[in-house]
Full PDB file with SEQRES, HELIX, SHEET, SSBOND, CRYST1, ORIGX, SCALE, CONECT and MASTER records, all heavy atoms in Angstrom:
SEQRES   1 A   34  ARG LEU LEU LEU CYS ASP LEU ASP TYR THR LEU ALA PRO          
SEQRES   2 A   34  LYS SER GLN GLY GLU PRO ASP GLN ARG LEU CYS ARG TRP          
SEQRES   3 A   34  LEU GLU GLU MET ALA GLN GLY GLY                              
HELIX    1 AA1 GLN A   21  GLN A   32  1                                  12    
CRYST1    1.000    1.000    1.000  90.00  90.00  90.00 P 1           1          
ORIGX1      1.000000  0.000000  0.000000        0.00000                         
ORIGX2      0.000000  1.000000  0.000000        0.00000                         
ORIGX3      0.000000  0.000000  1.000000        0.00000                         
SCALE1      1.000000  0.000000  0.000000        0.00000                         
SCALE2      0.000000  1.000000  0.000000        0.00000                         
SCALE3      0.000000  0.000000  1.000000        0.00000                         
ATOM      1  N   ARG A   1     188.070 106.456 159.222  1.00  0.00           N  
ATOM      2  CA  ARG A   1     188.817 105.685 158.207  1.00  0.00           C  
ATOM      3  C   ARG A   1     188.456 106.153 156.788  1.00  0.00           C  
ATOM      4  O   ARG A   1     189.203 105.867 155.855  1.00  0.00           O  
ATOM      5  CB  ARG A   1     188.495 104.192 158.345  1.00  0.00           C  
ATOM      6  CG  ARG A   1     189.006 103.624 159.675  1.00  0.00           C  
ATOM      7  CD  ARG A   1     188.892 102.119 159.701  1.00  0.00           C  
ATOM      8  NE  ARG A   1     187.543 101.644 159.498  1.00  0.00           N  
ATOM      9  CZ  ARG A   1     186.771 101.155 160.455  1.00  0.00           C  
ATOM     10  NH1 ARG A   1     187.202 101.059 161.678  1.00  0.00           N  
ATOM     11  NH2 ARG A   1     185.545 100.726 160.183  1.00  0.00           N  
ATOM     12  N   LEU A   2     187.318 106.830 156.617  1.00  0.00           N  
ATOM     13  CA  LEU A   2     186.913 107.343 155.317  1.00  0.00           C  
ATOM     14  C   LEU A   2     186.695 108.851 155.436  1.00  0.00           C  
ATOM     15  O   LEU A   2     185.918 109.304 156.268  1.00  0.00           O  
ATOM     16  CB  LEU A   2     185.582 106.683 154.869  1.00  0.00           C  
ATOM     17  CG  LEU A   2     184.929 107.264 153.594  1.00  0.00           C  
ATOM     18  CD1 LEU A   2     185.834 107.043 152.377  1.00  0.00           C  
ATOM     19  CD2 LEU A   2     183.563 106.632 153.360  1.00  0.00           C  
ATOM     20  N   LEU A   3     187.389 109.584 154.584  1.00  0.00           N  
ATOM     21  CA  LEU A   3     187.221 111.021 154.504  1.00  0.00           C  
ATOM     22  C   LEU A   3     186.574 111.354 153.169  1.00  0.00           C  
ATOM     23  O   LEU A   3     187.203 111.219 152.113  1.00  0.00           O  
ATOM     24  CB  LEU A   3     188.548 111.761 154.647  1.00  0.00           C  
ATOM     25  CG  LEU A   3     188.491 113.285 154.562  1.00  0.00           C  
ATOM     26  CD1 LEU A   3     187.601 113.871 155.674  1.00  0.00           C  
ATOM     27  CD2 LEU A   3     189.875 113.892 154.600  1.00  0.00           C  
ATOM     28  N   LEU A   4     185.324 111.775 153.221  1.00  0.00           N  
ATOM     29  CA  LEU A   4     184.627 112.243 152.042  1.00  0.00           C  
ATOM     30  C   LEU A   4     184.989 113.713 151.841  1.00  0.00           C  
ATOM     31  O   LEU A   4     185.004 114.459 152.825  1.00  0.00           O  
ATOM     32  CB  LEU A   4     183.118 112.107 152.197  1.00  0.00           C  
ATOM     33  CG  LEU A   4     182.603 110.705 152.468  1.00  0.00           C  
ATOM     34  CD1 LEU A   4     181.111 110.708 152.779  1.00  0.00           C  
ATOM     35  CD2 LEU A   4     182.908 109.788 151.298  1.00  0.00           C  
ATOM     36  N   CYS A   5     185.303 114.100 150.629  1.00  0.00           N  
ATOM     37  CA  CYS A   5     185.695 115.503 150.378  1.00  0.00           C  
ATOM     38  C   CYS A   5     184.893 116.074 149.225  1.00  0.00           C  
ATOM     39  O   CYS A   5     184.716 115.420 148.190  1.00  0.00           O  
ATOM     40  CB  CYS A   5     187.176 115.592 149.994  1.00  0.00           C  
ATOM     41  SG  CYS A   5     188.315 115.147 151.280  1.00  0.00           S  
ATOM     42  N   ASP A   6     184.435 117.278 149.410  1.00  0.00           N  
ATOM     43  CA  ASP A   6     183.914 118.049 148.296  1.00  0.00           C  
ATOM     44  C   ASP A   6     185.111 118.384 147.403  1.00  0.00           C  
ATOM     45  O   ASP A   6     186.249 118.426 147.900  1.00  0.00           O  
ATOM     46  CB  ASP A   6     183.232 119.309 148.837  1.00  0.00           C  
ATOM     47  CG  ASP A   6     182.601 120.131 147.738  1.00  0.00           C  
ATOM     48  OD1 ASP A   6     181.852 119.567 146.912  1.00  0.00           O  
ATOM     49  OD2 ASP A   6     182.858 121.346 147.711  1.00  0.00           O  
ATOM     50  N   LEU A   7     184.876 118.642 146.165  1.00  0.00           N  
ATOM     51  CA  LEU A   7     186.007 118.971 145.252  1.00  0.00           C  
ATOM     52  C   LEU A   7     186.176 120.475 145.103  1.00  0.00           C  
ATOM     53  O   LEU A   7     187.165 121.052 145.534  1.00  0.00           O  
ATOM     54  CB  LEU A   7     185.800 118.299 143.881  1.00  0.00           C  
ATOM     55  CG  LEU A   7     186.820 118.655 142.786  1.00  0.00           C  
ATOM     56  CD1 LEU A   7     188.248 118.352 143.228  1.00  0.00           C  
ATOM     57  CD2 LEU A   7     186.486 117.914 141.516  1.00  0.00           C  
ATOM     58  N   ASP A   8     185.165 121.124 144.493  1.00  0.00           N  
ATOM     59  CA  ASP A   8     185.299 122.531 144.155  1.00  0.00           C  
ATOM     60  C   ASP A   8     185.342 123.416 145.394  1.00  0.00           C  
ATOM     61  O   ASP A   8     184.436 123.379 146.209  1.00  0.00           O  
ATOM     62  CB  ASP A   8     184.159 122.962 143.239  1.00  0.00           C  
ATOM     63  CG  ASP A   8     184.235 122.286 141.884  1.00  0.00           C  
ATOM     64  OD1 ASP A   8     185.346 121.946 141.449  1.00  0.00           O  
ATOM     65  OD2 ASP A   8     183.168 122.090 141.264  1.00  0.00           O  
ATOM     66  N   TYR A   9     186.410 124.183 145.479  1.00  0.00           N  
ATOM     67  CA  TYR A   9     186.685 125.120 146.563  1.00  0.00           C  
ATOM     68  C   TYR A   9     187.022 124.468 147.898  1.00  0.00           C  
ATOM     69  O   TYR A   9     187.263 125.128 148.882  1.00  0.00           O  
ATOM     70  CB  TYR A   9     185.563 126.136 146.734  1.00  0.00           C  
ATOM     71  CG  TYR A   9     185.273 126.876 145.454  1.00  0.00           C  
ATOM     72  CD1 TYR A   9     184.046 126.760 144.822  1.00  0.00           C  
ATOM     73  CD2 TYR A   9     186.251 127.664 144.850  1.00  0.00           C  
ATOM     74  CE1 TYR A   9     183.777 127.422 143.616  1.00  0.00           C  
ATOM     75  CE2 TYR A   9     186.013 128.331 143.652  1.00  0.00           C  
ATOM     76  CZ  TYR A   9     184.789 128.192 143.050  1.00  0.00           C  
ATOM     77  OH  TYR A   9     184.546 128.830 141.860  1.00  0.00           O  
ATOM     78  N   THR A  10     187.058 123.140 147.934  1.00  0.00           N  
ATOM     79  CA  THR A  10     187.514 122.416 149.126  1.00  0.00           C  
ATOM     80  C   THR A  10     188.913 121.891 148.863  1.00  0.00           C  
ATOM     81  O   THR A  10     189.828 122.165 149.648  1.00  0.00           O  
ATOM     82  CB  THR A  10     186.532 121.274 149.473  1.00  0.00           C  
ATOM     83  OG1 THR A  10     185.283 121.825 149.772  1.00  0.00           O  
ATOM     84  CG2 THR A  10     187.044 120.457 150.650  1.00  0.00           C  
ATOM     85  N   LEU A  11     189.074 121.145 147.803  1.00  0.00           N  
ATOM     86  CA  LEU A  11     190.417 120.611 147.465  1.00  0.00           C  
ATOM     87  C   LEU A  11     191.102 121.432 146.395  1.00  0.00           C  
ATOM     88  O   LEU A  11     192.331 121.406 146.302  1.00  0.00           O  
ATOM     89  CB  LEU A  11     190.311 119.160 147.000  1.00  0.00           C  
ATOM     90  CG  LEU A  11     189.790 118.158 148.020  1.00  0.00           C  
ATOM     91  CD1 LEU A  11     189.766 116.764 147.428  1.00  0.00           C  
ATOM     92  CD2 LEU A  11     190.595 118.201 149.314  1.00  0.00           C  
ATOM     93  N   ALA A  12     190.324 122.149 145.613  1.00  0.00           N  
ATOM     94  CA  ALA A  12     190.906 122.948 144.520  1.00  0.00           C  
ATOM     95  C   ALA A  12     189.884 124.005 144.054  1.00  0.00           C  
ATOM     96  O   ALA A  12     188.680 123.757 144.158  1.00  0.00           O  
ATOM     97  CB  ALA A  12     191.276 122.057 143.342  1.00  0.00           C  
ATOM     98  N   PRO A  13     190.379 125.134 143.567  1.00  0.00           N  
ATOM     99  CA  PRO A  13     189.452 126.106 142.965  1.00  0.00           C  
ATOM    100  C   PRO A  13     188.761 125.445 141.782  1.00  0.00           C  
ATOM    101  O   PRO A  13     189.315 124.553 141.127  1.00  0.00           O  
ATOM    102  CB  PRO A  13     190.349 127.239 142.520  1.00  0.00           C  
ATOM    103  CG  PRO A  13     191.648 127.043 143.218  1.00  0.00           C  
ATOM    104  CD  PRO A  13     191.767 125.572 143.523  1.00  0.00           C  
ATOM    105  N   LYS A  14     187.576 125.894 141.494  1.00  0.00           N  
ATOM    106  CA  LYS A  14     186.831 125.323 140.359  1.00  0.00           C  
ATOM    107  C   LYS A  14     187.581 125.508 139.045  1.00  0.00           C  
ATOM    108  O   LYS A  14     187.452 124.720 138.126  1.00  0.00           O  
ATOM    109  CB  LYS A  14     185.445 125.962 140.289  1.00  0.00           C  
ATOM    110  CG  LYS A  14     184.475 125.173 139.443  1.00  0.00           C  
ATOM    111  CD  LYS A  14     183.071 125.697 139.623  1.00  0.00           C  
ATOM    112  CE  LYS A  14     182.100 124.758 138.955  1.00  0.00           C  
ATOM    113  NZ  LYS A  14     180.724 125.092 139.290  1.00  0.00           N  
ATOM    114  N   SER A  15     188.371 126.563 138.964  1.00  0.00           N  
ATOM    115  CA  SER A  15     189.114 126.839 137.731  1.00  0.00           C  
ATOM    116  C   SER A  15     190.329 125.930 137.533  1.00  0.00           C  
ATOM    117  O   SER A  15     190.906 125.885 136.467  1.00  0.00           O  
ATOM    118  CB  SER A  15     189.596 128.310 137.742  1.00  0.00           C  
ATOM    119  OG  SER A  15     190.439 128.515 138.862  1.00  0.00           O  
ATOM    120  N   GLN A  16     190.709 125.180 138.562  1.00  0.00           N  
ATOM    121  CA  GLN A  16     191.879 124.306 138.486  1.00  0.00           C  
ATOM    122  C   GLN A  16     191.459 122.960 137.881  1.00  0.00           C  
ATOM    123  O   GLN A  16     190.713 122.222 138.480  1.00  0.00           O  
ATOM    124  CB  GLN A  16     192.478 124.112 139.871  1.00  0.00           C  
ATOM    125  CG  GLN A  16     193.735 123.289 139.891  1.00  0.00           C  
ATOM    126  CD  GLN A  16     194.281 123.184 141.304  1.00  0.00           C  
ATOM    127  OE1 GLN A  16     194.193 124.123 142.084  1.00  0.00           O  
ATOM    128  NE2 GLN A  16     194.850 122.031 141.618  1.00  0.00           N  
ATOM    129  N   GLY A  17     191.939 122.674 136.698  1.00  0.00           N  
ATOM    130  CA  GLY A  17     191.507 121.494 135.971  1.00  0.00           C  
ATOM    131  C   GLY A  17     192.131 120.180 136.393  1.00  0.00           C  
ATOM    132  O   GLY A  17     191.587 119.112 136.119  1.00  0.00           O  
ATOM    133  N   GLU A  18     193.265 120.234 137.055  1.00  0.00           N  
ATOM    134  CA  GLU A  18     193.920 118.997 137.471  1.00  0.00           C  
ATOM    135  C   GLU A  18     194.548 119.185 138.849  1.00  0.00           C  
ATOM    136  O   GLU A  18     194.837 120.299 139.260  1.00  0.00           O  
ATOM    137  CB  GLU A  18     194.950 118.550 136.442  1.00  0.00           C  
ATOM    138  CG  GLU A  18     196.001 119.587 136.140  1.00  0.00           C  
ATOM    139  CD  GLU A  18     196.832 119.198 134.950  1.00  0.00           C  
ATOM    140  OE1 GLU A  18     196.278 118.768 133.927  1.00  0.00           O  
ATOM    141  OE2 GLU A  18     198.080 119.327 135.043  1.00  0.00           O  
ATOM    142  N   PRO A  19     194.793 118.081 139.539  1.00  0.00           N  
ATOM    143  CA  PRO A  19     195.373 118.177 140.883  1.00  0.00           C  
ATOM    144  C   PRO A  19     196.783 118.737 140.845  1.00  0.00           C  
ATOM    145  O   PRO A  19     197.541 118.458 139.913  1.00  0.00           O  
ATOM    146  CB  PRO A  19     195.391 116.712 141.365  1.00  0.00           C  
ATOM    147  CG  PRO A  19     194.652 115.925 140.363  1.00  0.00           C  
ATOM    148  CD  PRO A  19     194.511 116.724 139.130  1.00  0.00           C  
ATOM    149  N   ASP A  20     197.145 119.478 141.874  1.00  0.00           N  
ATOM    150  CA  ASP A  20     198.507 119.956 141.974  1.00  0.00           C  
ATOM    151  C   ASP A  20     199.320 119.015 142.885  1.00  0.00           C  
ATOM    152  O   ASP A  20     198.764 118.112 143.514  1.00  0.00           O  
ATOM    153  CB  ASP A  20     198.562 121.397 142.474  1.00  0.00           C  
ATOM    154  CG  ASP A  20     197.929 121.617 143.817  1.00  0.00           C  
ATOM    155  OD1 ASP A  20     197.788 120.637 144.605  1.00  0.00           O  
ATOM    156  OD2 ASP A  20     197.553 122.760 144.136  1.00  0.00           O  
ATOM    157  N   GLN A  21     200.619 119.240 142.937  1.00  0.00           N  
ATOM    158  CA  GLN A  21     201.529 118.369 143.683  1.00  0.00           C  
ATOM    159  C   GLN A  21     201.204 118.387 145.180  1.00  0.00           C  
ATOM    160  O   GLN A  21     201.313 117.367 145.867  1.00  0.00           O  
ATOM    161  CB  GLN A  21     202.980 118.756 143.458  1.00  0.00           C  
ATOM    162  CG  GLN A  21     203.488 118.324 142.101  1.00  0.00           C  
ATOM    163  CD  GLN A  21     203.371 116.808 141.940  1.00  0.00           C  
ATOM    164  OE1 GLN A  21     202.496 116.308 141.246  1.00  0.00           O  
ATOM    165  NE2 GLN A  21     204.246 116.084 142.557  1.00  0.00           N  
ATOM    166  N   ARG A  22     200.831 119.534 145.691  1.00  0.00           N  
ATOM    167  CA  ARG A  22     200.496 119.663 147.127  1.00  0.00           C  
ATOM    168  C   ARG A  22     199.340 118.714 147.500  1.00  0.00           C  
ATOM    169  O   ARG A  22     199.411 118.006 148.500  1.00  0.00           O  
ATOM    170  CB  ARG A  22     200.139 121.103 147.411  1.00  0.00           C  
ATOM    171  CG  ARG A  22     199.852 121.403 148.852  1.00  0.00           C  
ATOM    172  CD  ARG A  22     199.680 122.928 149.012  1.00  0.00           C  
ATOM    173  NE  ARG A  22     199.313 123.244 150.347  1.00  0.00           N  
ATOM    174  CZ  ARG A  22     198.103 123.693 150.708  1.00  0.00           C  
ATOM    175  NH1 ARG A  22     197.173 123.917 149.808  1.00  0.00           N  
ATOM    176  NH2 ARG A  22     197.844 123.947 151.974  1.00  0.00           N  
ATOM    177  N   LEU A  23     198.313 118.717 146.678  1.00  0.00           N  
ATOM    178  CA  LEU A  23     197.162 117.836 146.940  1.00  0.00           C  
ATOM    179  C   LEU A  23     197.571 116.371 146.818  1.00  0.00           C  
ATOM    180  O   LEU A  23     197.196 115.544 147.643  1.00  0.00           O  
ATOM    181  CB  LEU A  23     196.016 118.157 145.971  1.00  0.00           C  
ATOM    182  CG  LEU A  23     194.776 117.290 146.073  1.00  0.00           C  
ATOM    183  CD1 LEU A  23     194.188 117.316 147.493  1.00  0.00           C  
ATOM    184  CD2 LEU A  23     193.723 117.739 145.058  1.00  0.00           C  
ATOM    185  N   CYS A  24     198.377 116.061 145.809  1.00  0.00           N  
ATOM    186  CA  CYS A  24     198.837 114.679 145.628  1.00  0.00           C  
ATOM    187  C   CYS A  24     199.620 114.202 146.849  1.00  0.00           C  
ATOM    188  O   CYS A  24     199.448 113.064 147.305  1.00  0.00           O  
ATOM    189  CB  CYS A  24     199.663 114.551 144.355  1.00  0.00           C  
ATOM    190  SG  CYS A  24     198.693 114.779 142.845  1.00  0.00           S  
ATOM    191  N   ARG A  25     200.497 115.046 147.377  1.00  0.00           N  
ATOM    192  CA  ARG A  25     201.290 114.687 148.571  1.00  0.00           C  
ATOM    193  C   ARG A  25     200.386 114.460 149.778  1.00  0.00           C  
ATOM    194  O   ARG A  25     200.558 113.513 150.552  1.00  0.00           O  
ATOM    195  CB  ARG A  25     202.335 115.736 148.891  1.00  0.00           C  
ATOM    196  CG  ARG A  25     203.570 115.681 148.006  1.00  0.00           C  
ATOM    197  CD  ARG A  25     204.693 116.561 148.531  1.00  0.00           C  
ATOM    198  NE  ARG A  25     204.327 117.957 148.679  1.00  0.00           N  
ATOM    199  CZ  ARG A  25     204.369 118.865 147.699  1.00  0.00           C  
ATOM    200  NH1 ARG A  25     204.763 118.521 146.485  1.00  0.00           N  
ATOM    201  NH2 ARG A  25     204.007 120.119 147.933  1.00  0.00           N  
ATOM    202  N   TRP A  26     199.365 115.318 149.952  1.00  0.00           N  
ATOM    203  CA  TRP A  26     198.443 115.181 151.071  1.00  0.00           C  
ATOM    204  C   TRP A  26     197.664 113.877 150.959  1.00  0.00           C  
ATOM    205  O   TRP A  26     197.501 113.173 151.962  1.00  0.00           O  
ATOM    206  CB  TRP A  26     197.485 116.393 151.090  1.00  0.00           C  
ATOM    207  CG  TRP A  26     196.508 116.389 152.203  1.00  0.00           C  
ATOM    208  CD1 TRP A  26     196.722 116.663 153.520  1.00  0.00           C  
ATOM    209  CD2 TRP A  26     195.110 116.084 152.092  1.00  0.00           C  
ATOM    210  NE1 TRP A  26     195.566 116.565 154.228  1.00  0.00           N  
ATOM    211  CE2 TRP A  26     194.556 116.232 153.386  1.00  0.00           C  
ATOM    212  CE3 TRP A  26     194.281 115.739 151.041  1.00  0.00           C  
ATOM    213  CZ2 TRP A  26     193.198 115.996 153.654  1.00  0.00           C  
ATOM    214  CZ3 TRP A  26     192.930 115.515 151.284  1.00  0.00           C  
ATOM    215  CH2 TRP A  26     192.405 115.652 152.560  1.00  0.00           C  
ATOM    216  N   LEU A  27     197.230 113.521 149.773  1.00  0.00           N  
ATOM    217  CA  LEU A  27     196.506 112.268 149.577  1.00  0.00           C  
ATOM    218  C   LEU A  27     197.393 111.066 149.832  1.00  0.00           C  
ATOM    219  O   LEU A  27     196.948 110.055 150.385  1.00  0.00           O  
ATOM    220  CB  LEU A  27     195.908 112.203 148.170  1.00  0.00           C  
ATOM    221  CG  LEU A  27     194.725 113.139 147.947  1.00  0.00           C  
ATOM    222  CD1 LEU A  27     194.354 113.189 146.468  1.00  0.00           C  
ATOM    223  CD2 LEU A  27     193.535 112.726 148.780  1.00  0.00           C  
ATOM    224  N   GLU A  28     198.667 111.153 149.463  1.00  0.00           N  
ATOM    225  CA  GLU A  28     199.619 110.070 149.776  1.00  0.00           C  
ATOM    226  C   GLU A  28     199.759 109.904 151.279  1.00  0.00           C  
ATOM    227  O   GLU A  28     199.797 108.787 151.785  1.00  0.00           O  
ATOM    228  CB  GLU A  28     200.978 110.378 149.155  1.00  0.00           C  
ATOM    229  CG  GLU A  28     201.037 110.186 147.642  1.00  0.00           C  
ATOM    230  CD  GLU A  28     202.360 110.649 147.054  1.00  0.00           C  
ATOM    231  OE1 GLU A  28     203.368 110.782 147.796  1.00  0.00           O  
ATOM    232  OE2 GLU A  28     202.397 110.874 145.823  1.00  0.00           O  
ATOM    233  N   GLU A  29     199.853 111.035 151.997  1.00  0.00           N  
ATOM    234  CA  GLU A  29     199.944 110.984 153.469  1.00  0.00           C  
ATOM    235  C   GLU A  29     198.698 110.313 154.049  1.00  0.00           C  
ATOM    236  O   GLU A  29     198.817 109.523 154.996  1.00  0.00           O  
ATOM    237  CB  GLU A  29     200.100 112.376 154.043  1.00  0.00           C  
ATOM    238  CG  GLU A  29     201.425 113.019 153.795  1.00  0.00           C  
ATOM    239  CD  GLU A  29     201.457 114.485 154.238  1.00  0.00           C  
ATOM    240  OE1 GLU A  29     200.575 114.906 155.027  1.00  0.00           O  
ATOM    241  OE2 GLU A  29     202.358 115.209 153.770  1.00  0.00           O  
ATOM    242  N   MET A  30     197.544 110.667 153.516  1.00  0.00           N  
ATOM    243  CA  MET A  30     196.301 110.065 154.006  1.00  0.00           C  
ATOM    244  C   MET A  30     196.312 108.555 153.786  1.00  0.00           C  
ATOM    245  O   MET A  30     196.015 107.787 154.706  1.00  0.00           O  
ATOM    246  CB  MET A  30     195.082 110.668 153.315  1.00  0.00           C  
ATOM    247  CG  MET A  30     194.751 112.083 153.744  1.00  0.00           C  
ATOM    248  SD  MET A  30     194.154 112.105 155.429  1.00  0.00           S  
ATOM    249  CE  MET A  30     194.521 113.753 155.868  1.00  0.00           C  
ATOM    250  N   ALA A  31     196.688 108.131 152.601  1.00  0.00           N  
ATOM    251  CA  ALA A  31     196.708 106.700 152.272  1.00  0.00           C  
ATOM    252  C   ALA A  31     197.710 105.973 153.176  1.00  0.00           C  
ATOM    253  O   ALA A  31     197.429 104.902 153.700  1.00  0.00           O  
ATOM    254  CB  ALA A  31     197.065 106.505 150.804  1.00  0.00           C  
ATOM    255  N   GLN A  32     198.900 106.547 153.381  1.00  0.00           N  
ATOM    256  CA  GLN A  32     199.888 105.943 154.236  1.00  0.00           C  
ATOM    257  C   GLN A  32     199.414 105.856 155.681  1.00  0.00           C  
ATOM    258  O   GLN A  32     199.815 104.968 156.418  1.00  0.00           O  
ATOM    259  CB  GLN A  32     201.205 106.715 154.172  1.00  0.00           C  
ATOM    260  CG  GLN A  32     201.934 106.573 152.850  1.00  0.00           C  
ATOM    261  CD  GLN A  32     203.089 107.527 152.687  1.00  0.00           C  
ATOM    262  OE1 GLN A  32     203.363 108.349 153.538  1.00  0.00           O  
ATOM    263  NE2 GLN A  32     203.769 107.432 151.549  1.00  0.00           N  
ATOM    264  N   GLY A  33     198.556 106.786 156.087  1.00  0.00           N  
ATOM    265  CA  GLY A  33     197.991 106.779 157.428  1.00  0.00           C  
ATOM    266  C   GLY A  33     196.749 105.908 157.565  1.00  0.00           C  
ATOM    267  O   GLY A  33     196.100 105.927 158.619  1.00  0.00           O  
ATOM    268  N   GLY A  34     196.376 105.207 156.508  1.00  0.00           N  
ATOM    269  CA  GLY A  34     195.223 104.312 156.568  1.00  0.00           C  
ATOM    270  C   GLY A  34     193.878 104.981 156.359  1.00  0.00           C  
ATOM    271  O   GLY A  34     192.842 104.407 156.658  1.00  0.00           O  
TER     272      GLY A  34                                                      
MASTER        0    0    0    1    0    0    0    6  271    1    0    3          
END                                                                             
């Protein structure tokens, strides 16, 4: 029910300062799936 995620190089390159649309959509899917 809880997915802990590392940030750098797991969800985004360290050079990426803000979330992209792909990540936002994936997080929405996770939330909708509980």
